[in-house]
Amino acid sequence: MLALLLPLVSYFIVKRYSDSALVMPPHYYPDSIINVIRNGKESSDTIWHRIPDFNLTNQLGEKISLKDISKINGNDTVNKIMVIDFFFTHCPNICPLMMRNMKRLQESITNSQTVGDKSPDFIKFISFSIDPERDSVPRLKAWANRFQINPDQWWLLTGDKKTIYNFCINDIKLGLVDGENMDTNFIHSDRFVLIDHNRNVRGYYSGLDTMSLAKLSRDIILLDLEKDPKEKSFFAGKLQLITVSLLIAMVGVGIFLYLFRKKSK
């Protein structure tokens, strides 16, 4: 009985304390709420805002879109986690500091499952220029060289100004002000934005605050561990079967012990 009960009880104890210890980053911006019926009970599902695809150019002059930010997991294509921010290379104040902090963050995230190359394959860092008219590909390349940015992990993007501003204001929900190419008149956020595997916004963090960046680093790992809500666990729908099997096994063991003691007498 102990051999049968202990693994099952241990599973539920570990699961309970694990779930309570891990506080996942929240979702932002619901698009709609739909009512569904599961097992005869009505429940609500929230459809969270999913950031749209775009077509821009990185510091290597490559045309890219969100379709290029993915990894192959078996036979499935999985979207990567993204950390994004907005900058411009003529920025006289916060942009260089944000770049250095993003660089430290990028270097702190490693892949513990990989031997040798520890570069994580589950995350992409992306910085969008809010001054694409002046931030040409050569300008971005020089900026990338200045901060020793690895293009395999971190893209600096330029391209259509309307696309970038619409993406930032309407999808990421950050404010921008174009000062007509005057360096000090561009207003942009100091926030790093965390995007999950489903392209949902999961958090905003100050790119200038150490504590906020530490929280972002922790939340990145939590999102990488987060299970797809549509993916059922091994025990899903099987608890009744496990309970019945456990009772049958207990009865069987009891009968065996009864017959064994009776035979011994």
C-alpha atoms as a PDB file:
ATOM      1  CA  MET A   1       0.000   0.000   0.000  1.00  0.00           C
ATOM      2  CA  LEU A   2       2.839   2.370   0.823  1.00  0.00           C
ATOM      3  CA  ALA A   3       4.547   1.567  -2.471  1.00  0.00           C
ATOM      4  CA  LEU A   4       1.367   2.519  -4.318  1.00  0.00           C
ATOM      5  CA  LEU A   5       0.355   5.528  -2.247  1.00  0.00           C
ATOM      6  CA  LEU A   6       3.676   7.316  -1.792  1.00  0.00           C
ATOM      7  CA  PRO A   7       4.381   8.141  -5.472  1.00  0.00           C
ATOM      8  CA  LEU A   8       0.842   9.420  -6.010  1.00  0.00           C
ATOM      9  CA  VAL A   9       0.775  11.518  -2.817  1.00  0.00           C
ATOM     10  CA  SER A  10       4.277  12.854  -3.524  1.00  0.00           C
ATOM     11  CA  TYR A  11       3.227  13.954  -7.006  1.00  0.00           C
ATOM     12  CA  PHE A  12       0.314  16.032  -5.716  1.00  0.00           C
ATOM     13  CA  ILE A  13       2.398  17.557  -2.892  1.00  0.00           C
ATOM     14  CA  VAL A  14       5.185  18.599  -5.272  1.00  0.00           C
ATOM     15  CA  LYS A  15       2.687  19.880  -7.836  1.00  0.00           C
ATOM     16  CA  ARG A  16       0.846  21.958  -5.241  1.00  0.00           C
ATOM     17  CA  TYR A  17       3.964  23.659  -3.888  1.00  0.00           C
ATOM     18  CA  SER A  18       5.469  24.104  -7.368  1.00  0.00           C
ATOM     19  CA  ASP A  19       2.342  25.817  -8.665  1.00  0.00           C
ATOM     20  CA  SER A  20       2.182  28.127  -5.650  1.00  0.00           C
ATOM     21  CA  ALA A  21       5.893  29.017  -5.846  1.00  0.00           C
ATOM     22  CA  LEU A  22       5.900  29.904  -9.556  1.00  0.00           C
ATOM     23  CA  VAL A  23       4.030  33.122 -10.225  1.00  0.00           C
ATOM     24  CA  MET A  24       3.870  33.448 -13.987  1.00  0.00           C
ATOM     25  CA  PRO A  25       4.032  36.872 -15.664  1.00  0.00           C
ATOM     26  CA  PRO A  26       0.510  38.179 -16.345  1.00  0.00           C
ATOM     27  CA  HIS A  27      -1.143  38.537 -19.738  1.00  0.00           C
ATOM     28  CA  TYR A  28      -2.044  41.933 -21.156  1.00  0.00           C
ATOM     29  CA  TYR A  29      -4.711  43.243 -23.522  1.00  0.00           C
ATOM     30  CA  PRO A  30      -7.546  40.772 -24.046  1.00  0.00           C
ATOM     31  CA  ASP A  31      -9.042  40.892 -27.536  1.00  0.00           C
ATOM     32  CA  SER A  32     -12.171  38.947 -26.658  1.00  0.00           C
ATOM     33  CA  ILE A  33     -13.707  36.491 -24.220  1.00  0.00           C
ATOM     34  CA  ILE A  34     -15.505  33.398 -25.450  1.00  0.00           C
ATOM     35  CA  ASN A  35     -17.719  30.998 -23.513  1.00  0.00           C
ATOM     36  CA  VAL A  36     -17.060  27.293 -23.943  1.00  0.00           C
ATOM     37  CA  ILE A  37     -18.548  24.141 -22.448  1.00  0.00           C
ATOM     38  CA  ARG A  38     -16.193  21.547 -21.009  1.00  0.00           C
ATOM     39  CA  ASN A  39     -17.449  18.366 -19.373  1.00  0.00           C
ATOM     40  CA  GLY A  40     -20.920  19.826 -19.221  1.00  0.00           C
ATOM     41  CA  LYS A  41     -19.770  23.007 -17.461  1.00  0.00           C
ATOM     42  CA  GLU A  42     -19.609  26.470 -18.987  1.00  0.00           C
ATOM     43  CA  SER A  43     -16.345  28.353 -18.671  1.00  0.00           C
ATOM     44  CA  SER A  44     -14.745  31.404 -20.229  1.00  0.00           C
ATOM     45  CA  ASP A  45     -11.608  31.575 -22.353  1.00  0.00           C
ATOM     46  CA  THR A  46      -9.763  34.858 -22.896  1.00  0.00           C
ATOM     47  CA  ILE A  47      -8.285  35.531 -26.321  1.00  0.00           C
ATOM     48  CA  TRP A  48      -5.223  37.678 -25.617  1.00  0.00           C
ATOM     49  CA  HIS A  49      -3.911  40.216 -28.094  1.00  0.00           C
ATOM     50  CA  ARG A  50      -1.347  38.644 -30.403  1.00  0.00           C
ATOM     51  CA  ILE A  51       1.242  40.975 -31.886  1.00  0.00           C
ATOM     52  CA  PRO A  52       1.068  40.970 -35.698  1.00  0.00           C
ATOM     53  CA  ASP A  53       3.768  40.033 -38.147  1.00  0.00           C
ATOM     54  CA  PHE A  54       5.943  42.681 -39.795  1.00  0.00           C
ATOM     55  CA  ASN A  55       8.512  42.982 -42.556  1.00  0.00           C
ATOM     56  CA  LEU A  56      11.612  44.982 -41.649  1.00  0.00           C
ATOM     57  CA  THR A  57      15.381  44.955 -42.216  1.00  0.00           C
ATOM     58  CA  ASN A  58      18.052  43.999 -39.698  1.00  0.00           C
ATOM     59  CA  GLN A  59      21.601  45.276 -39.224  1.00  0.00           C
ATOM     60  CA  LEU A  60      22.886  42.776 -41.791  1.00  0.00           C
ATOM     61  CA  GLY A  61      20.552  44.090 -44.474  1.00  0.00           C
ATOM     62  CA  GLU A  62      18.365  40.969 -44.286  1.00  0.00           C
ATOM     63  CA  LYS A  63      14.596  41.220 -44.781  1.00  0.00           C
ATOM     64  CA  ILE A  64      12.977  39.536 -41.792  1.00  0.00           C
ATOM     65  CA  SER A  65       9.588  38.888 -40.245  1.00  0.00           C
ATOM     66  CA  LEU A  66       8.268  37.104 -37.160  1.00  0.00           C
ATOM     67  CA  LYS A  67       8.214  33.896 -39.191  1.00  0.00           C
ATOM     68  CA  ASP A  68      12.009  33.979 -38.978  1.00  0.00           C
ATOM     69  CA  ILE A  69      11.892  34.092 -35.173  1.00  0.00           C
ATOM     70  CA  SER A  70      11.153  30.450 -34.502  1.00  0.00           C
ATOM     71  CA  LYS A  71      12.850  27.189 -33.662  1.00  0.00           C
ATOM     72  CA  ILE A  72      12.252  23.623 -34.729  1.00  0.00           C
ATOM     73  CA  ASN A  73      11.083  21.309 -31.930  1.00  0.00           C
ATOM     74  CA  GLY A  74      10.713  17.839 -33.402  1.00  0.00           C
ATOM     75  CA  ASN A  75       8.252  18.206 -36.241  1.00  0.00           C
ATOM     76  CA  ASP A  76       6.767  21.440 -34.847  1.00  0.00           C
ATOM     77  CA  THR A  77       7.775  25.050 -35.374  1.00  0.00           C
ATOM     78  CA  VAL A  78       7.729  26.932 -32.068  1.00  0.00           C
ATOM     79  CA  ASN A  79       7.734  30.718 -31.704  1.00  0.00           C
ATOM     80  CA  LYS A  80      10.543  32.094 -29.593  1.00  0.00           C
ATOM     81  CA  ILE A  81      10.238  34.308 -26.546  1.00  0.00           C
ATOM     82  CA  MET A  82      11.104  37.906 -27.453  1.00  0.00           C
ATOM     83  CA  VAL A  83      12.477  40.863 -25.514  1.00  0.00           C
ATOM     84  CA  ILE A  84      11.989  44.059 -27.492  1.00  0.00           C
ATOM     85  CA  ASP A  85      12.718  47.742 -27.052  1.00  0.00           C
ATOM     86  CA  PHE A  86      12.800  50.954 -29.100  1.00  0.00           C
ATOM     87  CA  PHE A  87      15.787  53.242 -29.698  1.00  0.00           C
ATOM     88  CA  PHE A  88      17.553  55.484 -32.216  1.00  0.00           C
ATOM     89  CA  THR A  89      21.274  55.768 -32.852  1.00  0.00           C
ATOM     90  CA  HIS A  90      21.395  59.570 -32.477  1.00  0.00           C
ATOM     91  CA  CYS A  91      19.920  59.269 -28.977  1.00  0.00           C
ATOM     92  CA  PRO A  92      21.978  61.500 -26.653  1.00  0.00           C
ATOM     93  CA  ASN A  93      20.919  60.035 -23.315  1.00  0.00           C
ATOM     94  CA  ILE A  94      19.196  56.758 -22.394  1.00  0.00           C
ATOM     95  CA  CYS A  95      19.698  54.618 -25.530  1.00  0.00           C
ATOM     96  CA  PRO A  96      23.370  53.722 -24.968  1.00  0.00           C
ATOM     97  CA  LEU A  97      22.635  52.741 -21.360  1.00  0.00           C
ATOM     98  CA  MET A  98      19.624  50.669 -22.427  1.00  0.00           C
ATOM     99  CA  MET A  99      21.791  48.924 -25.017  1.00  0.00           C
ATOM    100  CA  ARG A 100      24.416  48.050 -22.422  1.00  0.00           C
ATOM    101  CA  ASN A 101      21.761  46.695 -20.066  1.00  0.00           C
ATOM    102  CA  MET A 102      20.161  44.678 -22.852  1.00  0.00           C
ATOM    103  CA  LYS A 103      23.612  43.310 -23.678  1.00  0.00           C
ATOM    104  CA  ARG A 104      24.134  42.205 -20.058  1.00  0.00           C
ATOM    105  CA  LEU A 105      20.693  40.619 -20.002  1.00  0.00           C
ATOM    106  CA  GLN A 106      21.315  38.789 -23.262  1.00  0.00           C
ATOM    107  CA  GLU A 107      24.637  37.425 -21.996  1.00  0.00           C
ATOM    108  CA  SER A 108      23.075  36.297 -18.699  1.00  0.00           C
ATOM    109  CA  ILE A 109      20.542  34.009 -20.409  1.00  0.00           C
ATOM    110  CA  THR A 110      22.140  30.661 -21.279  1.00  0.00           C
ATOM    111  CA  ASN A 111      20.974  27.238 -22.356  1.00  0.00           C
ATOM    112  CA  SER A 112      21.814  24.767 -19.595  1.00  0.00           C
ATOM    113  CA  GLN A 113      20.748  21.817 -21.772  1.00  0.00           C
ATOM    114  CA  THR A 114      23.379  22.483 -24.418  1.00  0.00           C
ATOM    115  CA  VAL A 115      26.951  21.210 -24.098  1.00  0.00           C
ATOM    116  CA  GLY A 116      29.585  23.614 -25.397  1.00  0.00           C
ATOM    117  CA  ASP A 117      27.686  26.510 -26.989  1.00  0.00           C
ATOM    118  CA  LYS A 118      25.404  27.878 -24.255  1.00  0.00           C
ATOM    119  CA  SER A 119      23.578  30.344 -26.520  1.00  0.00           C
ATOM    120  CA  PRO A 120      19.851  30.012 -25.829  1.00  0.00           C
ATOM    121  CA  ASP A 121      17.696  29.008 -28.792  1.00  0.00           C
ATOM    122  CA  PHE A 122      14.381  29.880 -27.130  1.00  0.00           C
ATOM    123  CA  ILE A 123      14.724  33.685 -27.070  1.00  0.00           C
ATOM    124  CA  LYS A 124      15.323  36.588 -29.460  1.00  0.00           C
ATOM    125  CA  PHE A 125      16.266  40.163 -28.565  1.00  0.00           C
ATOM    126  CA  ILE A 126      14.941  42.846 -30.928  1.00  0.00           C
ATOM    127  CA  SER A 127      15.520  46.608 -30.942  1.00  0.00           C
ATOM    128  CA  PHE A 128      13.363  48.730 -33.259  1.00  0.00           C
ATOM    129  CA  SER A 129      14.661  52.064 -34.522  1.00  0.00           C
ATOM    130  CA  ILE A 130      12.136  54.893 -34.121  1.00  0.00           C
ATOM    131  CA  ASP A 131      14.250  57.005 -36.494  1.00  0.00           C
ATOM    132  CA  PRO A 132      14.392  54.733 -39.572  1.00  0.00           C
ATOM    133  CA  GLU A 133      14.954  57.660 -41.951  1.00  0.00           C
ATOM    134  CA  ARG A 134      18.461  58.162 -40.528  1.00  0.00           C
ATOM    135  CA  ASP A 135      19.057  54.701 -39.080  1.00  0.00           C
ATOM    136  CA  SER A 136      20.104  52.989 -42.290  1.00  0.00           C
ATOM    137  CA  VAL A 137      21.544  49.471 -42.426  1.00  0.00           C
ATOM    138  CA  PRO A 138      25.189  50.747 -42.309  1.00  0.00           C
ATOM    139  CA  ARG A 139      24.265  52.957 -39.353  1.00  0.00           C
ATOM    140  CA  LEU A 140      22.708  50.000 -37.506  1.00  0.00           C
ATOM    141  CA  LYS A 141      25.714  47.837 -38.358  1.00  0.00           C
ATOM    142  CA  ALA A 142      28.061  50.431 -36.841  1.00  0.00           C
ATOM    143  CA  TRP A 143      25.830  50.645 -33.750  1.00  0.00           C
ATOM    144  CA  ALA A 144      25.854  46.838 -33.455  1.00  0.00           C
ATOM    145  CA  ASN A 145      29.638  46.765 -33.703  1.00  0.00           C
ATOM    146  CA  ARG A 146      29.879  49.437 -31.018  1.00  0.00           C
ATOM    147  CA  PHE A 147      28.016  47.225 -28.542  1.00  0.00           C
ATOM    148  CA  GLN A 148      29.347  43.903 -29.925  1.00  0.00           C
ATOM    149  CA  ILE A 149      25.874  42.625 -30.729  1.00  0.00           C
ATOM    150  CA  ASN A 150      25.566  39.057 -31.987  1.00  0.00           C
ATOM    151  CA  PRO A 151      23.054  39.097 -34.900  1.00  0.00           C
ATOM    152  CA  ASP A 152      22.156  35.455 -34.256  1.00  0.00           C
ATOM    153  CA  GLN A 153      20.592  36.467 -30.942  1.00  0.00           C
ATOM    154  CA  TRP A 154      19.832  40.168 -31.290  1.00  0.00           C
ATOM    155  CA  TRP A 155      18.415  42.124 -34.206  1.00  0.00           C
ATOM    156  CA  LEU A 156      18.427  45.882 -34.735  1.00  0.00           C
ATOM    157  CA  LEU A 157      15.569  46.683 -37.099  1.00  0.00           C
ATOM    158  CA  THR A 158      14.805  49.532 -39.453  1.00  0.00           C
ATOM    159  CA  GLY A 159      12.305  49.953 -42.259  1.00  0.00           C
ATOM    160  CA  ASP A 160       8.918  51.498 -42.895  1.00  0.00           C
ATOM    161  CA  LYS A 161       8.320  54.199 -40.295  1.00  0.00           C
ATOM    162  CA  LYS A 162       4.545  53.776 -40.257  1.00  0.00           C
ATOM    163  CA  THR A 163       4.895  50.033 -39.616  1.00  0.00           C
ATOM    164  CA  ILE A 164       7.257  50.587 -36.660  1.00  0.00           C
ATOM    165  CA  TYR A 165       5.192  53.346 -35.060  1.00  0.00           C
ATOM    166  CA  ASN A 166       1.917  51.474 -35.527  1.00  0.00           C
ATOM    167  CA  PHE A 167       3.475  48.340 -34.018  1.00  0.00           C
ATOM    168  CA  CYS A 168       4.826  50.243 -31.011  1.00  0.00           C
ATOM    169  CA  ILE A 169       1.772  52.399 -30.274  1.00  0.00           C
ATOM    170  CA  ASN A 170      -1.130  50.076 -31.144  1.00  0.00           C
ATOM    171  CA  ASP A 171       0.263  46.603 -30.420  1.00  0.00           C
ATOM    172  CA  ILE A 172       2.953  47.098 -27.762  1.00  0.00           C
ATOM    173  CA  LYS A 173       1.098  50.083 -26.253  1.00  0.00           C
ATOM    174  CA  LEU A 174       4.136  52.328 -25.780  1.00  0.00           C
ATOM    175  CA  GLY A 175       4.159  56.044 -26.523  1.00  0.00           C
ATOM    176  CA  LEU A 176       6.320  57.599 -29.238  1.00  0.00           C
ATOM    177  CA  VAL A 177       6.730  61.185 -30.375  1.00  0.00           C
ATOM    178  CA  ASP A 178       8.521  62.096 -33.591  1.00  0.00           C
ATOM    179  CA  GLY A 179      10.352  65.390 -33.188  1.00  0.00           C
ATOM    180  CA  GLU A 180      10.989  65.711 -36.923  1.00  0.00           C
ATOM    181  CA  ASN A 181      14.525  64.333 -36.801  1.00  0.00           C
ATOM    182  CA  MET A 182      15.637  66.564 -33.928  1.00  0.00           C
ATOM    183  CA  ASP A 183      17.735  64.395 -31.601  1.00  0.00           C
ATOM    184  CA  THR A 184      16.344  65.654 -28.323  1.00  0.00           C
ATOM    185  CA  ASN A 185      12.719  65.758 -29.500  1.00  0.00           C
ATOM    186  CA  PHE A 186      12.245  62.029 -29.969  1.00  0.00           C
ATOM    187  CA  ILE A 187      10.289  60.682 -27.008  1.00  0.00           C
ATOM    188  CA  HIS A 188      10.321  56.932 -26.492  1.00  0.00           C
ATOM    189  CA  SER A 189       9.915  54.548 -23.590  1.00  0.00           C
ATOM    190  CA  ASP A 190      12.732  53.088 -21.518  1.00  0.00           C
ATOM    191  CA  ARG A 191      10.765  49.834 -21.254  1.00  0.00           C
ATOM    192  CA  PHE A 192      11.851  46.369 -22.287  1.00  0.00           C
ATOM    193  CA  VAL A 193       8.787  44.367 -23.345  1.00  0.00           C
ATOM    194  CA  LEU A 194       8.500  40.612 -22.834  1.00  0.00           C
ATOM    195  CA  ILE A 195       6.623  38.586 -25.480  1.00  0.00           C
ATOM    196  CA  ASP A 196       5.809  34.896 -24.962  1.00  0.00           C
ATOM    197  CA  HIS A 197       5.708  31.911 -27.344  1.00  0.00           C
ATOM    198  CA  ASN A 198       2.165  32.836 -28.403  1.00  0.00           C
ATOM    199  CA  ARG A 199       3.208  36.424 -29.224  1.00  0.00           C
ATOM    200  CA  ASN A 200       1.275  37.781 -26.242  1.00  0.00           C
ATOM    201  CA  VAL A 201       2.633  40.716 -24.210  1.00  0.00           C
ATOM    202  CA  ARG A 202       3.642  39.403 -20.764  1.00  0.00           C
ATOM    203  CA  GLY A 203       5.464  42.268 -19.087  1.00  0.00           C
ATOM    204  CA  TYR A 204       7.047  45.726 -19.115  1.00  0.00           C
ATOM    205  CA  TYR A 205      10.374  46.368 -17.384  1.00  0.00           C
ATOM    206  CA  SER A 206      12.511  49.460 -16.957  1.00  0.00           C
ATOM    207  CA  GLY A 207      15.658  49.110 -19.028  1.00  0.00           C
ATOM    208  CA  LEU A 208      17.408  51.445 -16.598  1.00  0.00           C
ATOM    209  CA  ASP A 209      16.547  49.759 -13.287  1.00  0.00           C
ATOM    210  CA  THR A 210      18.588  46.864 -11.895  1.00  0.00           C
ATOM    211  CA  MET A 211      15.735  45.317  -9.906  1.00  0.00           C
ATOM    212  CA  SER A 212      13.387  45.475 -12.873  1.00  0.00           C
ATOM    213  CA  LEU A 213      15.966  43.816 -15.102  1.00  0.00           C
ATOM    214  CA  ALA A 214      16.476  41.047 -12.532  1.00  0.00           C
ATOM    215  CA  LYS A 215      12.735  40.407 -12.581  1.00  0.00           C
ATOM    216  CA  LEU A 216      12.771  40.321 -16.379  1.00  0.00           C
ATOM    217  CA  SER A 217      15.562  37.732 -16.333  1.00  0.00           C
ATOM    218  CA  ARG A 218      13.542  35.571 -13.929  1.00  0.00           C
ATOM    219  CA  ASP A 219      10.343  35.947 -15.957  1.00  0.00           C
ATOM    220  CA  ILE A 220      12.116  34.870 -19.149  1.00  0.00           C
ATOM    221  CA  ILE A 221      13.013  31.554 -17.512  1.00  0.00           C
ATOM    222  CA  LEU A 222       9.458  31.136 -16.191  1.00  0.00           C
ATOM    223  CA  LEU A 223       8.000  31.680 -19.659  1.00  0.00           C
ATOM    224  CA  ASP A 224      10.390  29.117 -21.110  1.00  0.00           C
ATOM    225  CA  LEU A 225       9.088  26.608 -18.523  1.00  0.00           C
ATOM    226  CA  GLU A 226       5.447  27.570 -19.060  1.00  0.00           C
ATOM    227  CA  LYS A 227       3.283  24.853 -20.561  1.00  0.00           C
ATOM    228  CA  ASP A 228       0.884  25.439 -23.394  1.00  0.00           C
ATOM    229  CA  PRO A 229      -2.597  25.644 -21.806  1.00  0.00           C
ATOM    230  CA  LYS A 230      -3.907  23.529 -24.676  1.00  0.00           C
ATOM    231  CA  GLU A 231      -1.416  20.778 -23.866  1.00  0.00           C
ATOM    232  CA  LYS A 232      -2.843  18.216 -21.475  1.00  0.00           C
ATOM    233  CA  SER A 233      -0.709  16.783 -18.709  1.00  0.00           C
ATOM    234  CA  PHE A 234      -0.144  13.057 -18.266  1.00  0.00           C
ATOM    235  CA  PHE A 235      -2.667  12.918 -15.419  1.00  0.00           C
ATOM    236  CA  ALA A 236      -5.340  14.991 -17.165  1.00  0.00           C
ATOM    237  CA  GLY A 237      -8.596  13.017 -17.242  1.00  0.00           C
ATOM    238  CA  LYS A 238      -6.917   9.991 -15.653  1.00  0.00           C
ATOM    239  CA  LEU A 239      -7.334  10.686 -11.946  1.00  0.00           C
ATOM    240  CA  GLN A 240     -10.518   8.600 -11.664  1.00  0.00           C
ATOM    241  CA  LEU A 241      -8.854   5.703 -13.474  1.00  0.00           C
ATOM    242  CA  ILE A 242      -5.772   6.007 -11.246  1.00  0.00           C
ATOM    243  CA  THR A 243      -7.939   6.038  -8.106  1.00  0.00           C
ATOM    244  CA  VAL A 244      -9.898   2.949  -9.200  1.00  0.00           C
ATOM    245  CA  SER A 245      -6.680   1.137 -10.143  1.00  0.00           C
ATOM    246  CA  LEU A 246      -5.194   2.057  -6.778  1.00  0.00           C
ATOM    247  CA  LEU A 247      -8.217   0.684  -4.898  1.00  0.00           C
ATOM    248  CA  ILE A 248      -8.175  -2.539  -6.918  1.00  0.00           C
ATOM    249  CA  ALA A 249      -4.468  -2.935  -6.213  1.00  0.00           C
ATOM    250  CA  MET A 250      -5.030  -2.353  -2.503  1.00  0.00           C
ATOM    251  CA  VAL A 251      -7.824  -4.938  -2.417  1.00  0.00           C
ATOM    252  CA  GLY A 252      -5.616  -7.384  -4.285  1.00  0.00           C
ATOM    253  CA  VAL A 253      -2.752  -6.879  -1.860  1.00  0.00           C
ATOM    254  CA  GLY A 254      -5.182  -7.295   1.084  1.00  0.00           C
ATOM    255  CA  ILE A 255      -6.533 -10.588  -0.327  1.00  0.00           C
ATOM    256  CA  PHE A 256      -3.000 -11.834  -0.942  1.00  0.00           C
ATOM    257  CA  LEU A 257      -1.936 -11.039   2.633  1.00  0.00           C
ATOM    258  CA  TYR A 258      -5.108 -12.663   4.020  1.00  0.00           C
ATOM    259  CA  LEU A 259      -4.538 -15.895   2.067  1.00  0.00           C
ATOM    260  CA  PHE A 260      -0.828 -15.881   2.914  1.00  0.00           C
ATOM    261  CA  ARG A 261      -1.521 -15.577   6.668  1.00  0.00           C
ATOM    262  CA  LYS A 262      -4.282 -18.214   6.472  1.00  0.00           C
ATOM    263  CA  LYS A 263      -1.920 -20.638   4.711  1.00  0.00           C
ATOM    264  CA  SER A 264       0.816 -19.964   7.292  1.00  0.00           C
ATOM    265  CA  LYS A 265      -1.544 -20.903  10.142  1.00  0.00           C
END
